[in-house]
Amino acid sequence: MQTVRTPETAPEGPVRSLIGSIQSSVVVVGSALVVLAACGNSITWHLQQFWGTSGNLWQSIWDRVYDYFEGDQFNIILYGTPALGLAVFWSAGIVYILMDVTLRPETLRRYKIQPGTNEPVDTYRLLQAIFWVLFNQTVVGLPCMLVFYKLLELRGFDTGRELPTFHWVLLEIAVCLLVEEVAFYYSHRLLHSPRLYKKIHKWHHEWTSPISITALYAHPLEHVLSNYLPPFLGVLLLGSHVATAWLWFSMALLSTINAHSGYHLPFFPSPEAHDFHHLKFNQCYGVLGVLDRLHGTDDKFRRRPEYQRHVMQLSLVPLRQMYPDQQKGAKTE
């Protein structure tokens, strides 16, 4: 059984300082968009070829979805989006749960970020997490979808049968990623302010060594403000086609499942930063790490062995083996 830790000294200042720091993040976001625009043609050419040859497949799949809902955008968004989220989240989540419960295959244990934790995961805590994740996805999620649809309707969005072009989809996903980074970072830091942490965010941090499904194990209010809102803002800003939104939401879900998985598997994006956040509480608030570097909220992380492991491993050698923990008795942050 894991023990619930209290957060270390919090670096958060008043809300006013967070709002002021948004100004400096505009430089980062703006620079990223300029680079994307400048490099777009050369970077995406080869991917465009794939999209061109498989475009008929994606269009065919979307035609079936469109016809199933008879083109009714209300039903597509209100029912189709949660259904997709459930399918994507639990398809990946169940694989990790089986790994955590059975500890098989044995070779995967070499990739545990915090060895000795959740081996195996406590059954009661697992069932508790499953209950609240399903609660958030259904009881909380459906009203959120209704509000989201109304906002999209007011803003106006692409309701056509024909899918957007590859370049446009890529651009929209890049914008959504940057918007999510800003929205999640600042909302996450606010949740770590003493009052909000104690009443809301402490729930999520009961897992100092997270497992995959704890990505959505949170207070319902936090689920709305920090899990739903940041990915939706980019879609709302751009008035994206529903198919583009579904692709983006699927990517965001798989990313957060990986970040909470507790495993740093080869050829997967590194989950080291967010795992370190669960361990230390006051480091690594963002998704991409850009705003953490900008605001210095990854300073302790960058002095730790976990930072050296914070890369995508392109071989089967565990990064913990390549960059071992500090020796006992050595000074740690």
C-alpha atoms as a PDB file:
ATOM      1  CA  MET A   1       0.000   0.000   0.000  1.00  0.00           C
ATOM      2  CA  GLN A   2       1.360   3.390  -0.979  1.00  0.00           C
ATOM      3  CA  THR A   3       1.403   6.216   1.511  1.00  0.00           C
ATOM      4  CA  VAL A   4       0.022   9.628   0.606  1.00  0.00           C
ATOM      5  CA  ARG A   5       2.691  12.278   0.756  1.00  0.00           C
ATOM      6  CA  THR A   6       2.181  15.945   1.397  1.00  0.00           C
ATOM      7  CA  PRO A   7       3.667  18.367  -1.134  1.00  0.00           C
ATOM      8  CA  GLU A   8       7.087  19.824  -0.656  1.00  0.00           C
ATOM      9  CA  THR A   9       7.578  23.549  -0.428  1.00  0.00           C
ATOM     10  CA  ALA A  10       5.545  25.096  -3.199  1.00  0.00           C
ATOM     11  CA  PRO A  11       7.179  27.655  -5.473  1.00  0.00           C
ATOM     12  CA  GLU A  12       3.881  29.187  -6.532  1.00  0.00           C
ATOM     13  CA  GLY A  13       3.458  32.872  -5.957  1.00  0.00           C
ATOM     14  CA  PRO A  14       0.218  34.823  -6.127  1.00  0.00           C
ATOM     15  CA  VAL A  15      -2.147  34.307  -9.019  1.00  0.00           C
ATOM     16  CA  ARG A  16      -1.057  37.719 -10.257  1.00  0.00           C
ATOM     17  CA  SER A  17       2.455  36.457 -10.953  1.00  0.00           C
ATOM     18  CA  LEU A  18       1.112  33.577 -13.037  1.00  0.00           C
ATOM     19  CA  ILE A  19      -0.960  35.920 -15.167  1.00  0.00           C
ATOM     20  CA  GLY A  20       2.044  38.158 -15.653  1.00  0.00           C
ATOM     21  CA  SER A  21       4.240  35.274 -16.721  1.00  0.00           C
ATOM     22  CA  ILE A  22       1.863  34.440 -19.591  1.00  0.00           C
ATOM     23  CA  GLN A  23       3.332  37.405 -21.449  1.00  0.00           C
ATOM     24  CA  SER A  24       6.720  35.731 -21.691  1.00  0.00           C
ATOM     25  CA  SER A  25       5.167  32.501 -22.966  1.00  0.00           C
ATOM     26  CA  VAL A  26       3.738  34.359 -25.983  1.00  0.00           C
ATOM     27  CA  VAL A  27       7.295  34.618 -27.312  1.00  0.00           C
ATOM     28  CA  VAL A  28       7.728  30.841 -27.129  1.00  0.00           C
ATOM     29  CA  VAL A  29       4.392  30.054 -28.786  1.00  0.00           C
ATOM     30  CA  GLY A  30       4.896  32.672 -31.486  1.00  0.00           C
ATOM     31  CA  SER A  31       8.386  31.429 -32.289  1.00  0.00           C
ATOM     32  CA  ALA A  32       7.127  27.837 -32.595  1.00  0.00           C
ATOM     33  CA  LEU A  33       4.453  28.882 -35.081  1.00  0.00           C
ATOM     34  CA  VAL A  34       6.995  30.788 -37.176  1.00  0.00           C
ATOM     35  CA  VAL A  35       9.297  27.754 -37.315  1.00  0.00           C
ATOM     36  CA  LEU A  36       6.384  25.503 -38.226  1.00  0.00           C
ATOM     37  CA  ALA A  37       5.340  27.805 -41.061  1.00  0.00           C
ATOM     38  CA  ALA A  38       8.898  28.146 -42.367  1.00  0.00           C
ATOM     39  CA  CYS A  39       9.638  24.418 -42.341  1.00  0.00           C
ATOM     40  CA  GLY A  40       6.206  23.128 -43.219  1.00  0.00           C
ATOM     41  CA  ASN A  41       6.808  22.213 -46.864  1.00  0.00           C
ATOM     42  CA  SER A  42      10.107  20.416 -46.368  1.00  0.00           C
ATOM     43  CA  ILE A  43       9.104  18.531 -43.192  1.00  0.00           C
ATOM     44  CA  THR A  44       5.704  17.346 -44.321  1.00  0.00           C
ATOM     45  CA  TRP A  45       6.389  16.356 -47.915  1.00  0.00           C
ATOM     46  CA  HIS A  46       6.992  12.672 -47.223  1.00  0.00           C
ATOM     47  CA  LEU A  47       4.090  12.457 -44.800  1.00  0.00           C
ATOM     48  CA  GLN A  48       1.899  14.056 -47.434  1.00  0.00           C
ATOM     49  CA  GLN A  49       2.655  11.158 -49.740  1.00  0.00           C
ATOM     50  CA  PHE A  50       1.368   8.715 -47.121  1.00  0.00           C
ATOM     51  CA  TRP A  51      -1.754  10.809 -46.549  1.00  0.00           C
ATOM     52  CA  GLY A  52      -2.369  10.924 -50.277  1.00  0.00           C
ATOM     53  CA  THR A  53      -2.188   7.153 -50.703  1.00  0.00           C
ATOM     54  CA  SER A  54      -4.263   6.423 -47.586  1.00  0.00           C
ATOM     55  CA  GLY A  55      -6.624   9.366 -47.848  1.00  0.00           C
ATOM     56  CA  ASN A  56      -9.324   7.236 -49.408  1.00  0.00           C
ATOM     57  CA  LEU A  57      -9.155   4.898 -46.406  1.00  0.00           C
ATOM     58  CA  TRP A  58      -9.619   7.702 -43.854  1.00  0.00           C
ATOM     59  CA  GLN A  59     -12.340   9.292 -45.949  1.00  0.00           C
ATOM     60  CA  SER A  60     -14.108   5.947 -46.239  1.00  0.00           C
ATOM     61  CA  ILE A  61     -14.011   5.434 -42.471  1.00  0.00           C
ATOM     62  CA  TRP A  62     -15.288   8.952 -41.841  1.00  0.00           C
ATOM     63  CA  ASP A  63     -18.077   8.454 -44.409  1.00  0.00           C
ATOM     64  CA  ARG A  64     -19.290   5.474 -42.399  1.00  0.00           C
ATOM     65  CA  VAL A  65     -19.260   7.485 -39.162  1.00  0.00           C
ATOM     66  CA  TYR A  66     -20.975  10.407 -40.890  1.00  0.00           C
ATOM     67  CA  ASP A  67     -23.673   8.156 -42.355  1.00  0.00           C
ATOM     68  CA  TYR A  68     -24.183   6.291 -39.064  1.00  0.00           C
ATOM     69  CA  PHE A  69     -25.067   9.582 -37.361  1.00  0.00           C
ATOM     70  CA  GLU A  70     -26.844  10.787 -40.536  1.00  0.00           C
ATOM     71  CA  GLY A  71     -24.580  13.828 -40.554  1.00  0.00           C
ATOM     72  CA  ASP A  72     -26.041  15.108 -37.276  1.00  0.00           C
ATOM     73  CA  GLN A  73     -23.176  17.080 -35.746  1.00  0.00           C
ATOM     74  CA  PHE A  74     -24.915  17.253 -32.369  1.00  0.00           C
ATOM     75  CA  ASN A  75     -25.012  13.466 -32.044  1.00  0.00           C
ATOM     76  CA  ILE A  76     -21.531  13.058 -33.513  1.00  0.00           C
ATOM     77  CA  ILE A  77     -20.043  15.367 -30.877  1.00  0.00           C
ATOM     78  CA  LEU A  78     -22.281  14.549 -27.903  1.00  0.00           C
ATOM     79  CA  TYR A  79     -22.145  10.762 -28.258  1.00  0.00           C
ATOM     80  CA  GLY A  80     -19.379  10.006 -30.742  1.00  0.00           C
ATOM     81  CA  THR A  81     -16.651  11.947 -28.944  1.00  0.00           C
ATOM     82  CA  PRO A  82     -17.119  10.301 -25.513  1.00  0.00           C
ATOM     83  CA  ALA A  83     -17.432   6.888 -27.191  1.00  0.00           C
ATOM     84  CA  LEU A  84     -14.137   7.455 -28.991  1.00  0.00           C
ATOM     85  CA  GLY A  85     -12.505   8.642 -25.762  1.00  0.00           C
ATOM     86  CA  LEU A  86     -13.658   5.541 -23.885  1.00  0.00           C
ATOM     87  CA  ALA A  87     -12.420   3.244 -26.664  1.00  0.00           C
ATOM     88  CA  VAL A  88      -8.992   4.888 -26.949  1.00  0.00           C
ATOM     89  CA  PHE A  89      -8.415   5.316 -23.220  1.00  0.00           C
ATOM     90  CA  TRP A  90      -9.411   1.825 -22.133  1.00  0.00           C
ATOM     91  CA  SER A  91      -7.810   0.025 -25.078  1.00  0.00           C
ATOM     92  CA  ALA A  92      -4.432   1.376 -24.001  1.00  0.00           C
ATOM     93  CA  GLY A  93      -5.214   1.487 -20.276  1.00  0.00           C
ATOM     94  CA  ILE A  94      -6.162  -2.190 -20.034  1.00  0.00           C
ATOM     95  CA  VAL A  95      -2.810  -3.228 -21.510  1.00  0.00           C
ATOM     96  CA  TYR A  96      -0.980  -1.306 -18.797  1.00  0.00           C
ATOM     97  CA  ILE A  97      -3.349  -2.597 -16.089  1.00  0.00           C
ATOM     98  CA  LEU A  98      -2.554  -6.173 -17.091  1.00  0.00           C
ATOM     99  CA  MET A  99       1.146  -5.331 -16.833  1.00  0.00           C
ATOM    100  CA  ASP A 100       0.647  -3.807 -13.368  1.00  0.00           C
ATOM    101  CA  VAL A 101      -1.552  -6.601 -12.025  1.00  0.00           C
ATOM    102  CA  THR A 102       0.267  -9.639 -13.414  1.00  0.00           C
ATOM    103  CA  LEU A 103       3.800  -8.189 -13.683  1.00  0.00           C
ATOM    104  CA  ARG A 104       4.105  -9.976 -17.028  1.00  0.00           C
ATOM    105  CA  PRO A 105       5.978 -10.136 -19.224  1.00  0.00           C
ATOM    106  CA  GLU A 106       8.785 -10.082 -16.683  1.00  0.00           C
ATOM    107  CA  THR A 107      11.133  -8.235 -19.038  1.00  0.00           C
ATOM    108  CA  LEU A 108       8.908  -5.153 -18.919  1.00  0.00           C
ATOM    109  CA  ARG A 109       9.700  -4.643 -15.231  1.00  0.00           C
ATOM    110  CA  ARG A 110      13.131  -3.449 -16.327  1.00  0.00           C
ATOM    111  CA  TYR A 111      11.428  -0.342 -17.686  1.00  0.00           C
ATOM    112  CA  LYS A 112       9.699   0.676 -14.445  1.00  0.00           C
ATOM    113  CA  ILE A 113      10.432   4.311 -13.646  1.00  0.00           C
ATOM    114  CA  GLN A 114      10.028   3.785  -9.894  1.00  0.00           C
ATOM    115  CA  PRO A 115      11.049   0.145  -9.269  1.00  0.00           C
ATOM    116  CA  GLY A 116       9.332  -1.559  -6.364  1.00  0.00           C
ATOM    117  CA  THR A 117       6.145   0.523  -6.596  1.00  0.00           C
ATOM    118  CA  ASN A 118       2.822  -0.978  -7.717  1.00  0.00           C
ATOM    119  CA  GLU A 119       4.376  -4.453  -7.927  1.00  0.00           C
ATOM    120  CA  PRO A 120       1.630  -5.521  -8.088  1.00  0.00           C
ATOM    121  CA  VAL A 121      -0.752  -2.586  -7.881  1.00  0.00           C
ATOM    122  CA  ASP A 122      -3.083  -2.603  -4.864  1.00  0.00           C
ATOM    123  CA  THR A 123      -6.458  -4.044  -5.915  1.00  0.00           C
ATOM    124  CA  TYR A 124      -8.616  -1.709  -3.811  1.00  0.00           C
ATOM    125  CA  ARG A 125      -6.848   1.418  -5.036  1.00  0.00           C
ATOM    126  CA  LEU A 126      -7.035   0.165  -8.624  1.00  0.00           C
ATOM    127  CA  LEU A 127     -10.808  -0.414  -8.409  1.00  0.00           C
ATOM    128  CA  GLN A 128     -11.246   2.981  -6.765  1.00  0.00           C
ATOM    129  CA  ALA A 129      -9.339   4.625  -9.608  1.00  0.00           C
ATOM    130  CA  ILE A 130     -11.348   2.749 -12.244  1.00  0.00           C
ATOM    131  CA  PHE A 131     -14.622   3.891 -10.655  1.00  0.00           C
ATOM    132  CA  TRP A 132     -13.708   7.567 -10.588  1.00  0.00           C
ATOM    133  CA  VAL A 133     -12.214   7.521 -14.076  1.00  0.00           C
ATOM    134  CA  LEU A 134     -15.464   6.066 -15.451  1.00  0.00           C
ATOM    135  CA  PHE A 135     -17.421   8.623 -13.416  1.00  0.00           C
ATOM    136  CA  ASN A 136     -15.410  11.458 -14.928  1.00  0.00           C
ATOM    137  CA  GLN A 137     -15.709  10.071 -18.444  1.00  0.00           C
ATOM    138  CA  THR A 138     -19.499   9.630 -18.293  1.00  0.00           C
ATOM    139  CA  VAL A 139     -21.272  11.617 -15.586  1.00  0.00           C
ATOM    140  CA  VAL A 140     -18.895  14.566 -15.937  1.00  0.00           C
ATOM    141  CA  GLY A 141     -17.994  14.049 -19.593  1.00  0.00           C
ATOM    142  CA  LEU A 142     -21.446  14.128 -21.213  1.00  0.00           C
ATOM    143  CA  PRO A 143     -22.429  17.570 -19.831  1.00  0.00           C
ATOM    144  CA  CYS A 144     -18.989  18.833 -20.893  1.00  0.00           C
ATOM    145  CA  MET A 145     -19.656  17.594 -24.429  1.00  0.00           C
ATOM    146  CA  LEU A 146     -22.983  19.411 -24.480  1.00  0.00           C
ATOM    147  CA  VAL A 147     -21.342  22.685 -23.436  1.00  0.00           C
ATOM    148  CA  PHE A 148     -18.533  22.102 -25.915  1.00  0.00           C
ATOM    149  CA  TYR A 149     -21.009  21.578 -28.746  1.00  0.00           C
ATOM    150  CA  LYS A 150     -22.875  24.788 -27.889  1.00  0.00           C
ATOM    151  CA  LEU A 151     -19.612  26.749 -27.870  1.00  0.00           C
ATOM    152  CA  LEU A 152     -18.571  25.241 -31.205  1.00  0.00           C
ATOM    153  CA  GLU A 153     -21.984  26.072 -32.621  1.00  0.00           C
ATOM    154  CA  LEU A 154     -21.576  29.693 -31.570  1.00  0.00           C
ATOM    155  CA  ARG A 155     -18.053  29.862 -32.964  1.00  0.00           C
ATOM    156  CA  GLY A 156     -18.834  27.937 -36.150  1.00  0.00           C
ATOM    157  CA  PHE A 157     -16.921  24.831 -37.224  1.00  0.00           C
ATOM    158  CA  ASP A 158     -16.303  22.573 -40.216  1.00  0.00           C
ATOM    159  CA  THR A 159     -19.326  20.272 -40.516  1.00  0.00           C
ATOM    160  CA  GLY A 160     -18.569  18.860 -43.971  1.00  0.00           C
ATOM    161  CA  ARG A 161     -18.383  15.252 -45.060  1.00  0.00           C
ATOM    162  CA  GLU A 162     -15.069  15.840 -46.835  1.00  0.00           C
ATOM    163  CA  LEU A 163     -11.984  15.603 -44.630  1.00  0.00           C
ATOM    164  CA  PRO A 164      -9.498  18.520 -44.434  1.00  0.00           C
ATOM    165  CA  THR A 165      -6.211  18.347 -46.329  1.00  0.00           C
ATOM    166  CA  PHE A 166      -3.162  16.800 -44.687  1.00  0.00           C
ATOM    167  CA  HIS A 167      -1.297  20.101 -44.286  1.00  0.00           C
ATOM    168  CA  TRP A 168      -4.281  21.745 -42.653  1.00  0.00           C
ATOM    169  CA  VAL A 169      -4.756  18.855 -40.205  1.00  0.00           C
ATOM    170  CA  LEU A 170      -1.065  18.973 -39.298  1.00  0.00           C
ATOM    171  CA  LEU A 171      -1.179  22.723 -38.730  1.00  0.00           C
ATOM    172  CA  GLU A 172      -4.280  22.476 -36.551  1.00  0.00           C
ATOM    173  CA  ILE A 173      -2.797  19.712 -34.406  1.00  0.00           C
ATOM    174  CA  ALA A 174       0.377  21.786 -33.933  1.00  0.00           C
ATOM    175  CA  VAL A 175      -1.707  24.773 -32.818  1.00  0.00           C
ATOM    176  CA  CYS A 176      -3.792  22.571 -30.502  1.00  0.00           C
ATOM    177  CA  LEU A 177      -0.603  21.205 -28.950  1.00  0.00           C
ATOM    178  CA  LEU A 178       0.748  24.683 -28.237  1.00  0.00           C
ATOM    179  CA  VAL A 179      -2.585  25.913 -26.856  1.00  0.00           C
ATOM    180  CA  GLU A 180      -2.795  22.845 -24.621  1.00  0.00           C
ATOM    181  CA  GLU A 181       0.713  23.450 -23.302  1.00  0.00           C
ATOM    182  CA  VAL A 182      -0.171  26.997 -22.226  1.00  0.00           C
ATOM    183  CA  ALA A 183      -3.613  26.146 -20.817  1.00  0.00           C
ATOM    184  CA  PHE A 184      -2.505  23.012 -18.990  1.00  0.00           C
ATOM    185  CA  TYR A 185       0.668  24.509 -17.539  1.00  0.00           C
ATOM    186  CA  TYR A 186      -1.026  27.522 -15.951  1.00  0.00           C
ATOM    187  CA  SER A 187      -4.168  25.676 -14.834  1.00  0.00           C
ATOM    188  CA  HIS A 188      -1.936  22.977 -13.344  1.00  0.00           C
ATOM    189  CA  ARG A 189       0.164  25.490 -11.446  1.00  0.00           C
ATOM    190  CA  LEU A 190      -2.976  27.112 -10.087  1.00  0.00           C
ATOM    191  CA  LEU A 191      -4.160  23.729  -8.864  1.00  0.00           C
ATOM    192  CA  HIS A 192      -0.928  23.514  -6.871  1.00  0.00           C
ATOM    193  CA  SER A 193      -1.680  26.707  -4.952  1.00  0.00           C
ATOM    194  CA  PRO A 194      -2.186  25.675  -1.301  1.00  0.00           C
ATOM    195  CA  ARG A 195      -5.962  26.128  -1.116  1.00  0.00           C
ATOM    196  CA  LEU A 196      -6.775  24.470  -4.450  1.00  0.00           C
ATOM    197  CA  TYR A 197      -4.270  21.694  -3.864  1.00  0.00           C
ATOM    198  CA  LYS A 198      -5.770  20.743  -0.522  1.00  0.00           C
ATOM    199  CA  LYS A 199      -9.388  20.802  -1.728  1.00  0.00           C
ATOM    200  CA  ILE A 200      -9.024  19.538  -5.312  1.00  0.00           C
ATOM    201  CA  HIS A 201      -5.661  18.498  -6.738  1.00  0.00           C
ATOM    202  CA  LYS A 202      -4.466  16.406  -3.789  1.00  0.00           C
ATOM    203  CA  TRP A 203      -6.858  13.719  -5.034  1.00  0.00           C
ATOM    204  CA  HIS A 204      -4.807  13.198  -8.200  1.00  0.00           C
ATOM    205  CA  HIS A 205      -1.533  13.232  -6.252  1.00  0.00           C
ATOM    206  CA  GLU A 206      -2.524  10.341  -4.021  1.00  0.00           C
ATOM    207  CA  TRP A 207      -0.553   8.334  -6.567  1.00  0.00           C
ATOM    208  CA  THR A 208       3.070   9.365  -6.068  1.00  0.00           C
ATOM    209  CA  SER A 209       3.951   6.539  -8.448  1.00  0.00           C
ATOM    210  CA  PRO A 210       1.206   6.783 -11.066  1.00  0.00           C
ATOM    211  CA  ILE A 211      -0.268   4.060 -13.234  1.00  0.00           C
ATOM    212  CA  SER A 212      -1.819   4.576 -16.657  1.00  0.00           C
ATOM    213  CA  ILE A 213      -5.462   5.094 -15.726  1.00  0.00           C
ATOM    214  CA  THR A 214      -4.661   7.640 -13.018  1.00  0.00           C
ATOM    215  CA  ALA A 215      -4.282  10.069 -15.909  1.00  0.00           C
ATOM    216  CA  LEU A 216      -8.005  10.779 -15.422  1.00  0.00           C
ATOM    217  CA  TYR A 217      -8.220   9.975 -11.714  1.00  0.00           C
ATOM    218  CA  ALA A 218      -9.027  13.432 -10.427  1.00  0.00           C
ATOM    219  CA  HIS A 219     -11.579  15.594  -8.665  1.00  0.00           C
ATOM    220  CA  PRO A 220     -14.448  16.249 -11.138  1.00  0.00           C
ATOM    221  CA  LEU A 221     -13.768  19.990 -11.098  1.00  0.00           C
ATOM    222  CA  GLU A 222     -10.122  19.388 -11.957  1.00  0.00           C
ATOM    223  CA  HIS A 223     -11.202  16.980 -14.684  1.00  0.00           C
ATOM    224  CA  VAL A 224     -13.202  19.751 -16.331  1.00  0.00           C
ATOM    225  CA  LEU A 225     -10.689  22.575 -15.928  1.00  0.00           C
ATOM    226  CA  SER A 226      -7.405  20.746 -16.453  1.00  0.00           C
ATOM    227  CA  ASN A 227      -8.212  17.578 -18.409  1.00  0.00           C
ATOM    228  CA  TYR A 228     -11.045  18.637 -20.712  1.00  0.00           C
ATOM    229  CA  LEU A 229     -10.520  22.352 -21.247  1.00  0.00           C
ATOM    230  CA  PRO A 230      -6.866  22.533 -22.440  1.00  0.00           C
ATOM    231  CA  PRO A 231      -7.310  20.062 -25.359  1.00  0.00           C
ATOM    232  CA  PHE A 232     -10.652  21.602 -26.334  1.00  0.00           C
ATOM    233  CA  LEU A 233      -9.440  25.195 -26.497  1.00  0.00           C
ATOM    234  CA  GLY A 234      -7.427  24.717 -29.684  1.00  0.00           C
ATOM    235  CA  VAL A 235     -10.336  22.991 -31.432  1.00  0.00           C
ATOM    236  CA  LEU A 236     -12.644  25.792 -30.341  1.00  0.00           C
ATOM    237  CA  LEU A 237     -10.184  28.460 -31.444  1.00  0.00           C
ATOM    238  CA  LEU A 238      -9.797  26.948 -34.927  1.00  0.00           C
ATOM    239  CA  GLY A 239     -13.321  25.644 -35.471  1.00  0.00           C
ATOM    240  CA  SER A 240     -11.794  22.294 -36.416  1.00  0.00           C
ATOM    241  CA  HIS A 241     -13.468  19.518 -38.338  1.00  0.00           C
ATOM    242  CA  VAL A 242     -14.773  16.849 -35.943  1.00  0.00           C
ATOM    243  CA  ALA A 243     -12.465  14.240 -37.495  1.00  0.00           C
ATOM    244  CA  THR A 244      -9.459  16.480 -36.799  1.00  0.00           C
ATOM    245  CA  ALA A 245     -10.673  17.001 -33.239  1.00  0.00           C
ATOM    246  CA  TRP A 246     -11.038  13.251 -32.776  1.00  0.00           C
ATOM    247  CA  LEU A 247      -7.513  12.649 -34.036  1.00  0.00           C
ATOM    248  CA  TRP A 248      -6.162  15.310 -31.689  1.00  0.00           C
ATOM    249  CA  PHE A 249      -8.142  14.056 -28.672  1.00  0.00           C
ATOM    250  CA  SER A 250      -6.907  10.500 -29.314  1.00  0.00           C
ATOM    251  CA  MET A 251      -3.307  11.716 -29.438  1.00  0.00           C
ATOM    252  CA  ALA A 252      -3.776  13.724 -26.231  1.00  0.00           C
ATOM    253  CA  LEU A 253      -5.294  10.725 -24.421  1.00  0.00           C
ATOM    254  CA  LEU A 254      -2.535   8.357 -25.490  1.00  0.00           C
ATOM    255  CA  SER A 255       0.050  10.943 -24.447  1.00  0.00           C
ATOM    256  CA  THR A 256      -1.353  11.361 -20.942  1.00  0.00           C
ATOM    257  CA  ILE A 257      -1.738   7.586 -20.503  1.00  0.00           C
ATOM    258  CA  ASN A 258       1.915   7.173 -21.410  1.00  0.00           C
ATOM    259  CA  ALA A 259       2.939  10.031 -19.104  1.00  0.00           C
ATOM    260  CA  HIS A 260       1.203   8.328 -16.156  1.00  0.00           C
ATOM    261  CA  SER A 261       2.068   4.737 -17.092  1.00  0.00           C
ATOM    262  CA  GLY A 262       5.016   4.296 -14.738  1.00  0.00           C
ATOM    263  CA  TYR A 263       7.016   2.661 -17.542  1.00  0.00           C
ATOM    264  CA  HIS A 264       9.633   4.235 -19.803  1.00  0.00           C
ATOM    265  CA  LEU A 265       9.323   1.840 -22.719  1.00  0.00           C
ATOM    266  CA  PRO A 266      11.615   1.848 -25.766  1.00  0.00           C
ATOM    267  CA  PHE A 267      10.387   3.881 -28.756  1.00  0.00           C
ATOM    268  CA  PHE A 268       7.755   5.643 -26.621  1.00  0.00           C
ATOM    269  CA  PRO A 269       7.864   9.356 -25.702  1.00  0.00           C
ATOM    270  CA  SER A 270       9.551   9.894 -22.358  1.00  0.00           C
ATOM    271  CA  PRO A 271       7.198   9.961 -19.330  1.00  0.00           C
ATOM    272  CA  GLU A 272      10.039  10.837 -16.942  1.00  0.00           C
ATOM    273  CA  ALA A 273       9.072  14.490 -16.415  1.00  0.00           C
ATOM    274  CA  HIS A 274       5.481  13.917 -15.369  1.00  0.00           C
ATOM    275  CA  ASP A 275       6.398  10.889 -13.284  1.00  0.00           C
ATOM    276  CA  PHE A 276       8.902  13.137 -11.493  1.00  0.00           C
ATOM    277  CA  HIS A 277       6.104  15.650 -10.955  1.00  0.00           C
ATOM    278  CA  HIS A 278       4.068  13.008  -9.119  1.00  0.00           C
ATOM    279  CA  LEU A 279       7.112  12.120  -7.044  1.00  0.00           C
ATOM    280  CA  LYS A 280       8.166  15.669  -6.094  1.00  0.00           C
ATOM    281  CA  PHE A 281       4.956  17.705  -6.583  1.00  0.00           C
ATOM    282  CA  ASN A 282       6.544  21.079  -7.366  1.00  0.00           C
ATOM    283  CA  GLN A 283       8.398  20.342 -10.613  1.00  0.00           C
ATOM    284  CA  CYS A 284       7.456  19.759 -14.269  1.00  0.00           C
ATOM    285  CA  TYR A 285       3.933  21.142 -14.545  1.00  0.00           C
ATOM    286  CA  GLY A 286       3.687  21.212 -18.343  1.00  0.00           C
ATOM    287  CA  VAL A 287       3.238  18.759 -21.199  1.00  0.00           C
ATOM    288  CA  LEU A 288       6.046  19.730 -23.563  1.00  0.00           C
ATOM    289  CA  GLY A 289       8.400  21.155 -20.940  1.00  0.00           C
ATOM    290  CA  VAL A 290       8.772  24.470 -22.778  1.00  0.00           C
ATOM    291  CA  LEU A 291       7.037  26.569 -20.135  1.00  0.00           C
ATOM    292  CA  ASP A 292       8.732  24.667 -17.327  1.00  0.00           C
ATOM    293  CA  ARG A 293      12.087  25.684 -18.775  1.00  0.00           C
ATOM    294  CA  LEU A 294      10.877  29.247 -19.314  1.00  0.00           C
ATOM    295  CA  HIS A 295       9.667  29.622 -15.713  1.00  0.00           C
ATOM    296  CA  GLY A 296      12.375  27.515 -14.066  1.00  0.00           C
ATOM    297  CA  THR A 297       9.937  24.936 -12.721  1.00  0.00           C
ATOM    298  CA  ASP A 298      12.146  22.073 -13.876  1.00  0.00           C
ATOM    299  CA  ASP A 299      15.356  23.218 -12.171  1.00  0.00           C
ATOM    300  CA  LYS A 300      15.539  20.311  -9.702  1.00  0.00           C
ATOM    301  CA  PHE A 301      14.516  17.838 -12.365  1.00  0.00           C
ATOM    302  CA  ARG A 302      17.381  18.923 -14.614  1.00  0.00           C
ATOM    303  CA  ARG A 303      19.873  18.113 -11.836  1.00  0.00           C
ATOM    304  CA  ARG A 304      18.599  14.577 -11.417  1.00  0.00           C
ATOM    305  CA  PRO A 305      19.349  11.280 -13.225  1.00  0.00           C
ATOM    306  CA  GLU A 306      15.705  11.284 -14.355  1.00  0.00           C
ATOM    307  CA  TYR A 307      16.503  14.216 -16.609  1.00  0.00           C
ATOM    308  CA  GLN A 308      19.246  12.238 -18.345  1.00  0.00           C
ATOM    309  CA  ARG A 309      16.668   9.521 -18.988  1.00  0.00           C
ATOM    310  CA  HIS A 310      14.180  12.036 -20.331  1.00  0.00           C
ATOM    311  CA  VAL A 311      14.646  11.015 -23.979  1.00  0.00           C
ATOM    312  CA  MET A 312      13.031   8.549 -26.355  1.00  0.00           C
ATOM    313  CA  GLN A 313      15.035   5.353 -26.050  1.00  0.00           C
ATOM    314  CA  LEU A 314      15.824   3.895 -29.479  1.00  0.00           C
ATOM    315  CA  SER A 315      17.239   0.612 -28.179  1.00  0.00           C
ATOM    316  CA  LEU A 316      15.988  -2.124 -25.824  1.00  0.00           C
ATOM    317  CA  VAL A 317      18.458  -1.196 -23.082  1.00  0.00           C
ATOM    318  CA  PRO A 318      16.574   0.351 -20.118  1.00  0.00           C
ATOM    319  CA  LEU A 319      17.578   3.978 -19.574  1.00  0.00           C
ATOM    320  CA  ARG A 320      17.765   3.316 -15.833  1.00  0.00           C
ATOM    321  CA  GLN A 321      20.621   0.942 -16.642  1.00  0.00           C
ATOM    322  CA  MET A 322      22.382   3.571 -18.761  1.00  0.00           C
ATOM    323  CA  TYR A 323      21.806   6.390 -16.251  1.00  0.00           C
ATOM    324  CA  PRO A 324      21.534   4.780 -12.778  1.00  0.00           C
ATOM    325  CA  ASP A 325      20.270   6.571  -9.694  1.00  0.00           C
ATOM    326  CA  GLN A 326      22.698   8.420  -7.464  1.00  0.00           C
ATOM    327  CA  GLN A 327      24.571   6.284  -4.959  1.00  0.00           C
ATOM    328  CA  LYS A 328      23.166   6.029  -1.449  1.00  0.00           C
ATOM    329  CA  GLY A 329      24.482   8.845   0.682  1.00  0.00           C
ATOM    330  CA  ALA A 330      24.939  11.145  -2.300  1.00  0.00           C
ATOM    331  CA  LYS A 331      23.263  14.518  -2.101  1.00  0.00           C
ATOM    332  CA  THR A 332      19.883  14.649  -3.891  1.00  0.00           C
ATOM    333  CA  GLU A 333      17.581  17.508  -4.636  1.00  0.00           C
END
